[in-house]
Amino acid sequence: MEEPNYRKLIVWQKAHNNALLLIEILNDCLIKFSRLIGQCMSAATSIGANIAEGNSGYTVKEKRRYFKIALNSSYELDNWLQVFKQSKIINCNTNRICQVEQQNVEVIKILSKLISSL
């Protein structure tokens, strides 16, 4: 079977790697914050899922809609990262959260350009 096209997109690769890194980072968080962690993971995994779905051969209008959903989820993820960084909910080196944050900013930039070019 041939690899699906969306996996070749750099924006999907960055979003996917971010989701995997967040799973690793958030795995050891306190259970009392599980709702916040769940919302953060939902936003992070939604980005790649919507990029994949939007790239799967829909019309330009549909592709733009899915990419906009992915962009909105990227902004939501940025919000959660700010909450986690500033509240110290996550007991890990902030550099790892900053790494996710920087990658997410790149995803936001790429998605914004993709949407405006459609």
PDB file of N, CA and C in Angstrom:
ATOM      1  N   MET A   1       0.838  -1.185   0.000  1.00  0.00           N
ATOM      2  CA  MET A   1       0.000   0.000   0.000  1.00  0.00           C
ATOM      3  C   MET A   1       0.884   1.249   0.000  1.00  0.00           C
ATOM      4  N   GLU A   2       0.500   2.209  -0.794  1.00  0.00           N
ATOM      5  CA  GLU A   2       1.250   3.456  -0.885  1.00  0.00           C
ATOM      6  C   GLU A   2       0.951   4.332   0.334  1.00  0.00           C
ATOM      7  N   GLU A   3       1.972   5.054   0.778  1.00  0.00           N
ATOM      8  CA  GLU A   3       1.818   5.963   1.917  1.00  0.00           C
ATOM      9  C   GLU A   3       0.815   7.061   1.572  1.00  0.00           C
ATOM     10  N   PRO A   4      -0.132   7.353   2.493  1.00  0.00           N
ATOM     11  CA  PRO A   4      -1.090   8.441   2.236  1.00  0.00           C
ATOM     12  C   PRO A   4      -0.366   9.779   2.034  1.00  0.00           C
ATOM     13  N   ASN A   5      -0.902  10.600   1.136  1.00  0.00           N
ATOM     14  CA  ASN A   5      -0.295  11.887   0.786  1.00  0.00           C
ATOM     15  C   ASN A   5      -0.064  12.817   1.968  1.00  0.00           C
ATOM     16  N   TYR A   6      -1.005  12.858   2.908  1.00  0.00           N
ATOM     17  CA  TYR A   6      -0.874  13.806   4.012  1.00  0.00           C
ATOM     18  C   TYR A   6       0.397  13.582   4.824  1.00  0.00           C
ATOM     19  N   ARG A   7       0.903  12.358   4.869  1.00  0.00           N
ATOM     20  CA  ARG A   7       2.117  12.081   5.651  1.00  0.00           C
ATOM     21  C   ARG A   7       3.353  12.762   5.076  1.00  0.00           C
ATOM     22  N   LYS A   8       3.264  13.173   3.837  1.00  0.00           N
ATOM     23  CA  LYS A   8       4.388  13.862   3.190  1.00  0.00           C
ATOM     24  C   LYS A   8       4.398  15.360   3.506  1.00  0.00           C
ATOM     25  N   LEU A   9       3.306  15.869   4.039  1.00  0.00           N
ATOM     26  CA  LEU A   9       3.209  17.291   4.353  1.00  0.00           C
ATOM     27  C   LEU A   9       4.034  17.630   5.597  1.00  0.00           C
ATOM     28  N   ILE A  10       4.906  18.595   5.482  1.00  0.00           N
ATOM     29  CA  ILE A  10       5.734  19.012   6.616  1.00  0.00           C
ATOM     30  C   ILE A  10       4.868  19.475   7.777  1.00  0.00           C
ATOM     31  N   VAL A  11       3.786  20.176   7.468  1.00  0.00           N
ATOM     32  CA  VAL A  11       2.916  20.679   8.531  1.00  0.00           C
ATOM     33  C   VAL A  11       2.296  19.513   9.311  1.00  0.00           C
ATOM     34  N   TRP A  12       1.919  18.443   8.624  1.00  0.00           N
ATOM     35  CA  TRP A  12       1.384  17.281   9.325  1.00  0.00           C
ATOM     36  C   TRP A  12       2.482  16.624  10.169  1.00  0.00           C
ATOM     37  N   GLN A  13       3.678  16.491   9.616  1.00  0.00           N
ATOM     38  CA  GLN A  13       4.788  15.871  10.344  1.00  0.00           C
ATOM     39  C   GLN A  13       5.086  16.627  11.635  1.00  0.00           C
ATOM     40  N   LYS A  14       5.095  17.958  11.565  1.00  0.00           N
ATOM     41  CA  LYS A  14       5.361  18.775  12.751  1.00  0.00           C
ATOM     42  C   LYS A  14       4.241  18.600  13.785  1.00  0.00           C
ATOM     43  N   ALA A  15       2.993  18.644  13.327  1.00  0.00           N
ATOM     44  CA  ALA A  15       1.851  18.477  14.229  1.00  0.00           C
ATOM     45  C   ALA A  15       1.862  17.088  14.867  1.00  0.00           C
ATOM     46  N   HIS A  16       2.165  16.078  14.070  1.00  0.00           N
ATOM     47  CA  HIS A  16       2.214  14.701  14.562  1.00  0.00           C
ATOM     48  C   HIS A  16       3.323  14.535  15.612  1.00  0.00           C
ATOM     49  N   ASN A  17       4.501  15.056  15.314  1.00  0.00           N
ATOM     50  CA  ASN A  17       5.609  14.966  16.271  1.00  0.00           C
ATOM     51  C   ASN A  17       5.288  15.711  17.562  1.00  0.00           C
ATOM     52  N   ASN A  18       4.602  16.832  17.451  1.00  0.00           N
ATOM     53  CA  ASN A  18       4.191  17.572  18.641  1.00  0.00           C
ATOM     54  C   ASN A  18       3.249  16.748  19.505  1.00  0.00           C
ATOM     55  N   ALA A  19       2.286  16.098  18.877  1.00  0.00           N
ATOM     56  CA  ALA A  19       1.346  15.264  19.626  1.00  0.00           C
ATOM     57  C   ALA A  19       2.085  14.144  20.357  1.00  0.00           C
ATOM     58  N   LEU A  20       3.039  13.511  19.677  1.00  0.00           N
ATOM     59  CA  LEU A  20       3.806  12.432  20.310  1.00  0.00           C
ATOM     60  C   LEU A  20       4.642  12.943  21.480  1.00  0.00           C
ATOM     61  N   LEU A  21       5.261  14.095  21.308  1.00  0.00           N
ATOM     62  CA  LEU A  21       6.063  14.677  22.386  1.00  0.00           C
ATOM     63  C   LEU A  21       5.180  15.055  23.565  1.00  0.00           C
ATOM     64  N   LEU A  22       4.013  15.601  23.298  1.00  0.00           N
ATOM     65  CA  LEU A  22       3.102  15.956  24.387  1.00  0.00           C
ATOM     66  C   LEU A  22       2.624  14.732  25.145  1.00  0.00           C
ATOM     67  N   ILE A  23       2.360  13.657  24.440  1.00  0.00           N
ATOM     68  CA  ILE A  23       1.964  12.415  25.117  1.00  0.00           C
ATOM     69  C   ILE A  23       3.057  12.011  26.099  1.00  0.00           C
ATOM     70  N   GLU A  24       4.289  12.085  25.651  1.00  0.00           N
ATOM     71  CA  GLU A  24       5.424  11.738  26.510  1.00  0.00           C
ATOM     72  C   GLU A  24       5.526  12.683  27.712  1.00  0.00           C
ATOM     73  N   ILE A  25       5.388  13.986  27.473  1.00  0.00           N
ATOM     74  CA  ILE A  25       5.515  14.987  28.534  1.00  0.00           C
ATOM     75  C   ILE A  25       4.377  14.861  29.544  1.00  0.00           C
ATOM     76  N   LEU A  26       3.149  14.719  29.047  1.00  0.00           N
ATOM     77  CA  LEU A  26       1.972  14.753  29.918  1.00  0.00           C
ATOM     78  C   LEU A  26       1.690  13.423  30.598  1.00  0.00           C
ATOM     79  N   ASN A  27       2.384  12.390  30.207  1.00  0.00           N
ATOM     80  CA  ASN A  27       2.170  11.066  30.771  1.00  0.00           C
ATOM     81  C   ASN A  27       2.356  11.038  32.288  1.00  0.00           C
ATOM     82  N   ASP A  28       3.250  11.836  32.814  1.00  0.00           N
ATOM     83  CA  ASP A  28       3.554  11.790  34.243  1.00  0.00           C
ATOM     84  C   ASP A  28       2.891  12.903  35.057  1.00  0.00           C
ATOM     85  N   CYS A  29       1.919  13.576  34.480  1.00  0.00           N
ATOM     86  CA  CYS A  29       1.273  14.683  35.190  1.00  0.00           C
ATOM     87  C   CYS A  29       0.324  14.166  36.261  1.00  0.00           C
ATOM     88  N   LEU A  30       0.035  15.047  37.194  1.00  0.00           N
ATOM     89  CA  LEU A  30      -0.848  14.693  38.298  1.00  0.00           C
ATOM     90  C   LEU A  30      -2.266  14.424  37.802  1.00  0.00           C
ATOM     91  N   ILE A  31      -2.894  13.408  38.367  1.00  0.00           N
ATOM     92  CA  ILE A  31      -4.235  12.999  37.952  1.00  0.00           C
ATOM     93  C   ILE A  31      -5.265  14.103  38.195  1.00  0.00           C
ATOM     94  N   LYS A  32      -5.032  14.968  39.176  1.00  0.00           N
ATOM     95  CA  LYS A  32      -6.023  16.012  39.472  1.00  0.00           C
ATOM     96  C   LYS A  32      -6.150  17.023  38.327  1.00  0.00           C
ATOM     97  N   PHE A  33      -5.210  17.027  37.403  1.00  0.00           N
ATOM     98  CA  PHE A  33      -5.276  17.922  36.254  1.00  0.00           C
ATOM     99  C   PHE A  33      -5.662  17.177  34.981  1.00  0.00           C
ATOM    100  N   SER A  34      -6.241  16.002  35.118  1.00  0.00           N
ATOM    101  CA  SER A  34      -6.516  15.163  33.949  1.00  0.00           C
ATOM    102  C   SER A  34      -7.466  15.824  32.956  1.00  0.00           C
ATOM    103  N   ARG A  35      -8.391  16.648  33.416  1.00  0.00           N
ATOM    104  CA  ARG A  35      -9.319  17.320  32.491  1.00  0.00           C
ATOM    105  C   ARG A  35      -8.562  18.318  31.616  1.00  0.00           C
ATOM    106  N   LEU A  36      -7.672  19.107  32.221  1.00  0.00           N
ATOM    107  CA  LEU A  36      -6.874  20.064  31.455  1.00  0.00           C
ATOM    108  C   LEU A  36      -5.955  19.341  30.477  1.00  0.00           C
ATOM    109  N   ILE A  37      -5.352  18.279  30.962  1.00  0.00           N
ATOM    110  CA  ILE A  37      -4.442  17.503  30.125  1.00  0.00           C
ATOM    111  C   ILE A  37      -5.203  16.887  28.948  1.00  0.00           C
ATOM    112  N   GLY A  38      -6.402  16.395  29.227  1.00  0.00           N
ATOM    113  CA  GLY A  38      -7.239  15.824  28.166  1.00  0.00           C
ATOM    114  C   GLY A  38      -7.590  16.847  27.104  1.00  0.00           C
ATOM    115  N   GLN A  39      -7.913  18.065  27.527  1.00  0.00           N
ATOM    116  CA  GLN A  39      -8.250  19.113  26.566  1.00  0.00           C
ATOM    117  C   GLN A  39      -7.025  19.500  25.740  1.00  0.00           C
ATOM    118  N   CYS A  40      -5.877  19.555  26.374  1.00  0.00           N
ATOM    119  CA  CYS A  40      -4.637  19.875  25.662  1.00  0.00           C
ATOM    120  C   CYS A  40      -4.336  18.795  24.630  1.00  0.00           C
ATOM    121  N   MET A  41      -4.460  17.548  25.019  1.00  0.00           N
ATOM    122  CA  MET A  41      -4.180  16.446  24.092  1.00  0.00           C
ATOM    123  C   MET A  41      -5.202  16.402  22.966  1.00  0.00           C
ATOM    124  N   SER A  42      -6.439  16.741  23.286  1.00  0.00           N
ATOM    125  CA  SER A  42      -7.466  16.778  22.258  1.00  0.00           C
ATOM    126  C   SER A  42      -7.126  17.821  21.196  1.00  0.00           C
ATOM    127  N   ALA A  43      -6.696  18.989  21.634  1.00  0.00           N
ATOM    128  CA  ALA A  43      -6.299  20.042  20.686  1.00  0.00           C
ATOM    129  C   ALA A  43      -5.090  19.595  19.873  1.00  0.00           C
ATOM    130  N   ALA A  44      -4.090  19.036  20.543  1.00  0.00           N
ATOM    131  CA  ALA A  44      -2.850  18.635  19.862  1.00  0.00           C
ATOM    132  C   ALA A  44      -3.096  17.551  18.816  1.00  0.00           C
ATOM    133  N   THR A  45      -3.921  16.574  19.136  1.00  0.00           N
ATOM    134  CA  THR A  45      -4.163  15.481  18.188  1.00  0.00           C
ATOM    135  C   THR A  45      -5.150  15.889  17.094  1.00  0.00           C
ATOM    136  N   SER A  46      -5.981  16.873  17.369  1.00  0.00           N
ATOM    137  CA  SER A  46      -6.925  17.372  16.372  1.00  0.00           C
ATOM    138  C   SER A  46      -6.219  18.048  15.205  1.00  0.00           C
ATOM    139  N   ILE A  47      -5.083  18.661  15.467  1.00  0.00           N
ATOM    140  CA  ILE A  47      -4.355  19.393  14.419  1.00  0.00           C
ATOM    141  C   ILE A  47      -3.983  18.442  13.277  1.00  0.00           C
ATOM    142  N   GLY A  48      -3.249  17.407  13.595  1.00  0.00           N
ATOM    143  CA  GLY A  48      -2.826  16.444  12.575  1.00  0.00           C
ATOM    144  C   GLY A  48      -3.996  15.716  11.933  1.00  0.00           C
ATOM    145  N   ALA A  49      -5.002  15.387  12.735  1.00  0.00           N
ATOM    146  CA  ALA A  49      -6.164  14.676  12.196  1.00  0.00           C
ATOM    147  C   ALA A  49      -6.896  15.520  11.155  1.00  0.00           C
ATOM    148  N   ASN A  50      -7.050  16.804  11.425  1.00  0.00           N
ATOM    149  CA  ASN A  50      -7.751  17.671  10.471  1.00  0.00           C
ATOM    150  C   ASN A  50      -6.916  17.977   9.238  1.00  0.00           C
ATOM    151  N   ILE A  51      -5.607  18.047   9.412  1.00  0.00           N
ATOM    152  CA  ILE A  51      -4.736  18.208   8.237  1.00  0.00           C
ATOM    153  C   ILE A  51      -4.870  16.968   7.350  1.00  0.00           C
ATOM    154  N   ALA A  52      -4.827  15.795   7.948  1.00  0.00           N
ATOM    155  CA  ALA A  52      -4.947  14.549   7.189  1.00  0.00           C
ATOM    156  C   ALA A  52      -6.294  14.476   6.482  1.00  0.00           C
ATOM    157  N   GLU A  53      -7.354  14.775   7.208  1.00  0.00           N
ATOM    158  CA  GLU A  53      -8.689  14.682   6.617  1.00  0.00           C
ATOM    159  C   GLU A  53      -8.885  15.719   5.510  1.00  0.00           C
ATOM    160  N   GLY A  54      -8.410  16.923   5.744  1.00  0.00           N
ATOM    161  CA  GLY A  54      -8.557  17.975   4.739  1.00  0.00           C
ATOM    162  C   GLY A  54      -7.750  17.728   3.488  1.00  0.00           C
ATOM    163  N   ASN A  55      -6.661  17.014   3.614  1.00  0.00           N
ATOM    164  CA  ASN A  55      -5.786  16.761   2.469  1.00  0.00           C
ATOM    165  C   ASN A  55      -6.202  15.516   1.675  1.00  0.00           C
ATOM    166  N   SER A  56      -7.274  14.883   2.081  1.00  0.00           N
ATOM    167  CA  SER A  56      -7.624  13.590   1.483  1.00  0.00           C
ATOM    168  C   SER A  56      -8.480  13.671   0.228  1.00  0.00           C
ATOM    169  N   GLY A  57      -8.410  14.781  -0.480  1.00  0.00           N
ATOM    170  CA  GLY A  57      -9.067  14.828  -1.775  1.00  0.00           C
ATOM    171  C   GLY A  57     -10.388  15.562  -1.798  1.00  0.00           C
ATOM    172  N   TYR A  58     -10.679  16.314  -0.776  1.00  0.00           N
ATOM    173  CA  TYR A  58     -11.895  17.107  -0.777  1.00  0.00           C
ATOM    174  C   TYR A  58     -11.766  18.283  -1.744  1.00  0.00           C
ATOM    175  N   THR A  59     -12.835  18.996  -1.923  1.00  0.00           N
ATOM    176  CA  THR A  59     -12.791  20.212  -2.729  1.00  0.00           C
ATOM    177  C   THR A  59     -11.922  21.240  -2.010  1.00  0.00           C
ATOM    178  N   VAL A  60     -11.566  22.299  -2.708  1.00  0.00           N
ATOM    179  CA  VAL A  60     -10.755  23.361  -2.101  1.00  0.00           C
ATOM    180  C   VAL A  60     -11.483  23.947  -0.895  1.00  0.00           C
ATOM    181  N   LYS A  61     -12.794  24.109  -1.031  1.00  0.00           N
ATOM    182  CA  LYS A  61     -13.599  24.661   0.080  1.00  0.00           C
ATOM    183  C   LYS A  61     -13.520  23.758   1.316  1.00  0.00           C
ATOM    184  N   GLU A  62     -13.653  22.463   1.097  1.00  0.00           N
ATOM    185  CA  GLU A  62     -13.567  21.504   2.208  1.00  0.00           C
ATOM    186  C   GLU A  62     -12.159  21.470   2.798  1.00  0.00           C
ATOM    187  N   LYS A  63     -11.157  21.476   1.932  1.00  0.00           N
ATOM    188  CA  LYS A  63      -9.766  21.466   2.405  1.00  0.00           C
ATOM    189  C   LYS A  63      -9.512  22.689   3.285  1.00  0.00           C
ATOM    190  N   ARG A  64      -9.961  23.850   2.834  1.00  0.00           N
ATOM    191  CA  ARG A  64      -9.785  25.090   3.606  1.00  0.00           C
ATOM    192  C   ARG A  64     -10.485  24.967   4.962  1.00  0.00           C
ATOM    193  N   ARG A  65     -11.672  24.402   4.964  1.00  0.00           N
ATOM    194  CA  ARG A  65     -12.434  24.249   6.222  1.00  0.00           C
ATOM    195  C   ARG A  65     -11.669  23.383   7.224  1.00  0.00           C
ATOM    196  N   TYR A  66     -11.151  22.248   6.768  1.00  0.00           N
ATOM    197  CA  TYR A  66     -10.403  21.365   7.668  1.00  0.00           C
ATOM    198  C   TYR A  66      -9.097  22.007   8.131  1.00  0.00           C
ATOM    199  N   PHE A  67      -8.428  22.709   7.239  1.00  0.00           N
ATOM    200  CA  PHE A  67      -7.189  23.385   7.621  1.00  0.00           C
ATOM    201  C   PHE A  67      -7.470  24.504   8.629  1.00  0.00           C
ATOM    202  N   LYS A  68      -8.621  25.169   8.500  1.00  0.00           N
ATOM    203  CA  LYS A  68      -8.990  26.201   9.478  1.00  0.00           C
ATOM    204  C   LYS A  68      -9.274  25.582  10.845  1.00  0.00           C
ATOM    205  N   ILE A  69      -9.904  24.423  10.852  1.00  0.00           N
ATOM    206  CA  ILE A  69     -10.132  23.710  12.117  1.00  0.00           C
ATOM    207  C   ILE A  69      -8.787  23.359  12.749  1.00  0.00           C
ATOM    208  N   ALA A  70      -7.851  22.876  11.931  1.00  0.00           N
ATOM    209  CA  ALA A  70      -6.509  22.549  12.430  1.00  0.00           C
ATOM    210  C   ALA A  70      -5.831  23.800  12.980  1.00  0.00           C
ATOM    211  N   LEU A  71      -5.985  24.923  12.289  1.00  0.00           N
ATOM    212  CA  LEU A  71      -5.400  26.184  12.753  1.00  0.00           C
ATOM    213  C   LEU A  71      -6.009  26.603  14.087  1.00  0.00           C
ATOM    214  N   ASN A  72      -7.324  26.502  14.202  1.00  0.00           N
ATOM    215  CA  ASN A  72      -7.977  26.845  15.470  1.00  0.00           C
ATOM    216  C   ASN A  72      -7.485  25.946  16.601  1.00  0.00           C
ATOM    217  N   SER A  73      -7.300  24.673  16.318  1.00  0.00           N
ATOM    218  CA  SER A  73      -6.776  23.752  17.334  1.00  0.00           C
ATOM    219  C   SER A  73      -5.332  24.108  17.701  1.00  0.00           C
ATOM    220  N   SER A  74      -4.574  24.612  16.733  1.00  0.00           N
ATOM    221  CA  SER A  74      -3.198  25.048  17.021  1.00  0.00           C
ATOM    222  C   SER A  74      -3.192  26.219  17.997  1.00  0.00           C
ATOM    223  N   TYR A  75      -4.117  27.141  17.795  1.00  0.00           N
ATOM    224  CA  TYR A  75      -4.226  28.264  18.731  1.00  0.00           C
ATOM    225  C   TYR A  75      -4.693  27.791  20.106  1.00  0.00           C
ATOM    226  N   GLU A  76      -5.604  26.838  20.127  1.00  0.00           N
ATOM    227  CA  GLU A  76      -6.037  26.280  21.410  1.00  0.00           C
ATOM    228  C   GLU A  76      -4.864  25.600  22.120  1.00  0.00           C
ATOM    229  N   LEU A  77      -4.075  24.839  21.362  1.00  0.00           N
ATOM    230  CA  LEU A  77      -2.902  24.192  21.947  1.00  0.00           C
ATOM    231  C   LEU A  77      -1.951  25.239  22.525  1.00  0.00           C
ATOM    232  N   ASP A  78      -1.741  26.331  21.794  1.00  0.00           N
ATOM    233  CA  ASP A  78      -0.867  27.383  22.303  1.00  0.00           C
ATOM    234  C   ASP A  78      -1.371  27.899  23.646  1.00  0.00           C
ATOM    235  N   ASN A  79      -2.669  28.076  23.767  1.00  0.00           N
ATOM    236  CA  ASN A  79      -3.241  28.509  25.036  1.00  0.00           C
ATOM    237  C   ASN A  79      -2.919  27.527  26.157  1.00  0.00           C
ATOM    238  N   TRP A  80      -3.139  26.243  25.909  1.00  0.00           N
ATOM    239  CA  TRP A  80      -2.861  25.234  26.945  1.00  0.00           C
ATOM    240  C   TRP A  80      -1.380  25.209  27.316  1.00  0.00           C
ATOM    241  N   LEU A  81      -0.512  25.375  26.349  1.00  0.00           N
ATOM    242  CA  LEU A  81       0.917  25.396  26.651  1.00  0.00           C
ATOM    243  C   LEU A  81       1.272  26.572  27.552  1.00  0.00           C
ATOM    244  N   GLN A  82       0.627  27.723  27.324  1.00  0.00           N
ATOM    245  CA  GLN A  82       0.871  28.890  28.187  1.00  0.00           C
ATOM    246  C   GLN A  82       0.384  28.608  29.601  1.00  0.00           C
ATOM    247  N   VAL A  83      -0.779  27.978  29.719  1.00  0.00           N
ATOM    248  CA  VAL A  83      -1.315  27.623  31.043  1.00  0.00           C
ATOM    249  C   VAL A  83      -0.355  26.683  31.756  1.00  0.00           C
ATOM    250  N   PHE A  84       0.103  25.661  31.061  1.00  0.00           N
ATOM    251  CA  PHE A  84       0.991  24.688  31.684  1.00  0.00           C
ATOM    252  C   PHE A  84       2.333  25.307  32.073  1.00  0.00           C
ATOM    253  N   LYS A  85       2.871  26.139  31.207  1.00  0.00           N
ATOM    254  CA  LYS A  85       4.160  26.779  31.512  1.00  0.00           C
ATOM    255  C   LYS A  85       4.057  27.699  32.729  1.00  0.00           C
ATOM    256  N   GLN A  86       3.016  28.495  32.772  1.00  0.00           N
ATOM    257  CA  GLN A  86       2.912  29.507  33.811  1.00  0.00           C
ATOM    258  C   GLN A  86       2.387  28.968  35.142  1.00  0.00           C
ATOM    259  N   SER A  87       1.663  27.864  35.106  1.00  0.00           N
ATOM    260  CA  SER A  87       1.110  27.306  36.348  1.00  0.00           C
ATOM    261  C   SER A  87       2.019  26.244  36.954  1.00  0.00           C
ATOM    262  N   LYS A  88       2.977  25.776  36.199  1.00  0.00           N
ATOM    263  CA  LYS A  88       3.903  24.725  36.642  1.00  0.00           C
ATOM    264  C   LYS A  88       3.173  23.399  36.944  1.00  0.00           C
ATOM    265  N   ILE A  89       2.063  23.161  36.222  1.00  0.00           N
ATOM    266  CA  ILE A  89       1.326  21.902  36.368  1.00  0.00           C
ATOM    267  C   ILE A  89       2.197  20.727  35.952  1.00  0.00           C
ATOM    268  N   ILE A  90       3.006  20.953  34.943  1.00  0.00           N
ATOM    269  CA  ILE A  90       3.825  19.882  34.399  1.00  0.00           C
ATOM    270  C   ILE A  90       5.166  19.864  35.121  1.00  0.00           C
ATOM    271  N   ASN A  91       5.464  18.737  35.709  1.00  0.00           N
ATOM    272  CA  ASN A  91       6.719  18.582  36.448  1.00  0.00           C
ATOM    273  C   ASN A  91       7.825  18.093  35.523  1.00  0.00           C
ATOM    274  N   CYS A  92       8.241  18.954  34.634  1.00  0.00           N
ATOM    275  CA  CYS A  92       9.331  18.588  33.733  1.00  0.00           C
ATOM    276  C   CYS A  92      10.057  19.854  33.337  1.00  0.00           C
ATOM    277  N   ASN A  93      11.105  19.670  32.652  1.00  0.00           N
ATOM    278  CA  ASN A  93      11.894  20.791  32.165  1.00  0.00           C
ATOM    279  C   ASN A  93      11.042  21.623  31.202  1.00  0.00           C
ATOM    280  N   THR A  94      10.945  22.914  31.462  1.00  0.00           N
ATOM    281  CA  THR A  94      10.134  23.784  30.605  1.00  0.00           C
ATOM    282  C   THR A  94      10.668  23.834  29.191  1.00  0.00           C
ATOM    283  N   ASN A  95      11.892  23.458  28.980  1.00  0.00           N
ATOM    284  CA  ASN A  95      12.451  23.449  27.623  1.00  0.00           C
ATOM    285  C   ASN A  95      11.657  22.534  26.700  1.00  0.00           C
ATOM    286  N   ARG A  96      11.145  21.442  27.237  1.00  0.00           N
ATOM    287  CA  ARG A  96      10.369  20.514  26.417  1.00  0.00           C
ATOM    288  C   ARG A  96       9.042  21.141  26.005  1.00  0.00           C
ATOM    289  N   ILE A  97       8.420  21.858  26.907  1.00  0.00           N
ATOM    290  CA  ILE A  97       7.178  22.558  26.568  1.00  0.00           C
ATOM    291  C   ILE A  97       7.486  23.665  25.560  1.00  0.00           C
ATOM    292  N   CYS A  98       8.595  24.354  25.745  1.00  0.00           N
ATOM    293  CA  CYS A  98       8.996  25.406  24.798  1.00  0.00           C
ATOM    294  C   CYS A  98       9.252  24.826  23.415  1.00  0.00           C
ATOM    295  N   GLN A  99       9.779  23.619  23.366  1.00  0.00           N
ATOM    296  CA  GLN A  99      10.016  22.949  22.084  1.00  0.00           C
ATOM    297  C   GLN A  99       8.686  22.699  21.370  1.00  0.00           C
ATOM    298  N   VAL A 100       7.692  22.221  22.107  1.00  0.00           N
ATOM    299  CA  VAL A 100       6.371  21.994  21.537  1.00  0.00           C
ATOM    300  C   VAL A 100       5.780  23.331  21.093  1.00  0.00           C
ATOM    301  N   GLU A 101       5.951  24.341  21.927  1.00  0.00           N
ATOM    302  CA  GLU A 101       5.429  25.671  21.614  1.00  0.00           C
ATOM    303  C   GLU A 101       6.032  26.210  20.305  1.00  0.00           C
ATOM    304  N   GLN A 102       7.338  26.097  20.152  1.00  0.00           N
ATOM    305  CA  GLN A 102       8.000  26.589  18.936  1.00  0.00           C
ATOM    306  C   GLN A 102       7.527  25.830  17.698  1.00  0.00           C
ATOM    307  N   GLN A 103       7.417  24.515  17.819  1.00  0.00           N
ATOM    308  CA  GLN A 103       6.920  23.713  16.693  1.00  0.00           C
ATOM    309  C   GLN A 103       5.489  24.105  16.353  1.00  0.00           C
ATOM    310  N   ASN A 104       4.689  24.361  17.388  1.00  0.00           N
ATOM    311  CA  ASN A 104       3.299  24.728  17.162  1.00  0.00           C
ATOM    312  C   ASN A 104       3.190  26.084  16.463  1.00  0.00           C
ATOM    313  N   VAL A 105       4.062  27.018  16.818  1.00  0.00           N
ATOM    314  CA  VAL A 105       4.077  28.317  16.135  1.00  0.00           C
ATOM    315  C   VAL A 105       4.400  28.116  14.647  1.00  0.00           C
ATOM    316  N   GLU A 106       5.314  27.204  14.350  1.00  0.00           N
ATOM    317  CA  GLU A 106       5.623  26.898  12.954  1.00  0.00           C
ATOM    318  C   GLU A 106       4.405  26.304  12.245  1.00  0.00           C
ATOM    319  N   VAL A 107       3.691  25.426  12.934  1.00  0.00           N
ATOM    320  CA  VAL A 107       2.474  24.839  12.364  1.00  0.00           C
ATOM    321  C   VAL A 107       1.459  25.940  12.064  1.00  0.00           C
ATOM    322  N   ILE A 108       1.293  26.883  12.989  1.00  0.00           N
ATOM    323  CA  ILE A 108       0.365  27.996  12.797  1.00  0.00           C
ATOM    324  C   ILE A 108       0.750  28.803  11.552  1.00  0.00           C
ATOM    325  N   LYS A 109       2.025  29.097  11.413  1.00  0.00           N
ATOM    326  CA  LYS A 109       2.485  29.872  10.252  1.00  0.00           C
ATOM    327  C   LYS A 109       2.232  29.131   8.947  1.00  0.00           C
ATOM    328  N   ILE A 110       2.562  27.843   8.923  1.00  0.00           N
ATOM    329  CA  ILE A 110       2.384  27.056   7.700  1.00  0.00           C
ATOM    330  C   ILE A 110       0.901  26.944   7.347  1.00  0.00           C
ATOM    331  N   LEU A 111       0.079  26.628   8.347  1.00  0.00           N
ATOM    332  CA  LEU A 111      -1.352  26.501   8.082  1.00  0.00           C
ATOM    333  C   LEU A 111      -1.940  27.823   7.596  1.00  0.00           C
ATOM    334  N   SER A 112      -1.524  28.927   8.191  1.00  0.00           N
ATOM    335  CA  SER A 112      -2.026  30.244   7.768  1.00  0.00           C
ATOM    336  C   SER A 112      -1.698  30.500   6.298  1.00  0.00           C
ATOM    337  N   LYS A 113      -0.477  30.158   5.903  1.00  0.00           N
ATOM    338  CA  LYS A 113      -0.077  30.340   4.501  1.00  0.00           C
ATOM    339  C   LYS A 113      -0.848  29.391   3.579  1.00  0.00           C
ATOM    340  N   LEU A 114      -1.015  28.143   4.014  1.00  0.00           N
ATOM    341  CA  LEU A 114      -1.761  27.184   3.197  1.00  0.00           C
ATOM    342  C   LEU A 114      -3.197  27.653   2.986  1.00  0.00           C
ATOM    343  N   ILE A 115      -3.825  28.116   4.048  1.00  0.00           N
ATOM    344  CA  ILE A 115      -5.214  28.557   3.961  1.00  0.00           C
ATOM    345  C   ILE A 115      -5.347  29.754   3.033  1.00  0.00           C
ATOM    346  N   SER A 116      -4.431  30.714   3.174  1.00  0.00           N
ATOM    347  CA  SER A 116      -4.528  31.907   2.325  1.00  0.00           C
ATOM    348  C   SER A 116      -4.203  31.603   0.861  1.00  0.00           C
ATOM    349  N   SER A 117      -3.466  30.520   0.608  1.00  0.00           N
ATOM    350  CA  SER A 117      -3.128  30.176  -0.777  1.00  0.00           C
ATOM    351  C   SER A 117      -4.211  29.356  -1.457  1.00  0.00           C
ATOM    352  N   LEU A 118      -5.172  28.859  -0.693  1.00  0.00           N
ATOM    353  CA  LEU A 118      -6.240  28.034  -1.292  1.00  0.00           C
ATOM    354  C   LEU A 118      -7.321  28.897  -1.926  1.00  0.00           C
TER     355      LEU A 118
END
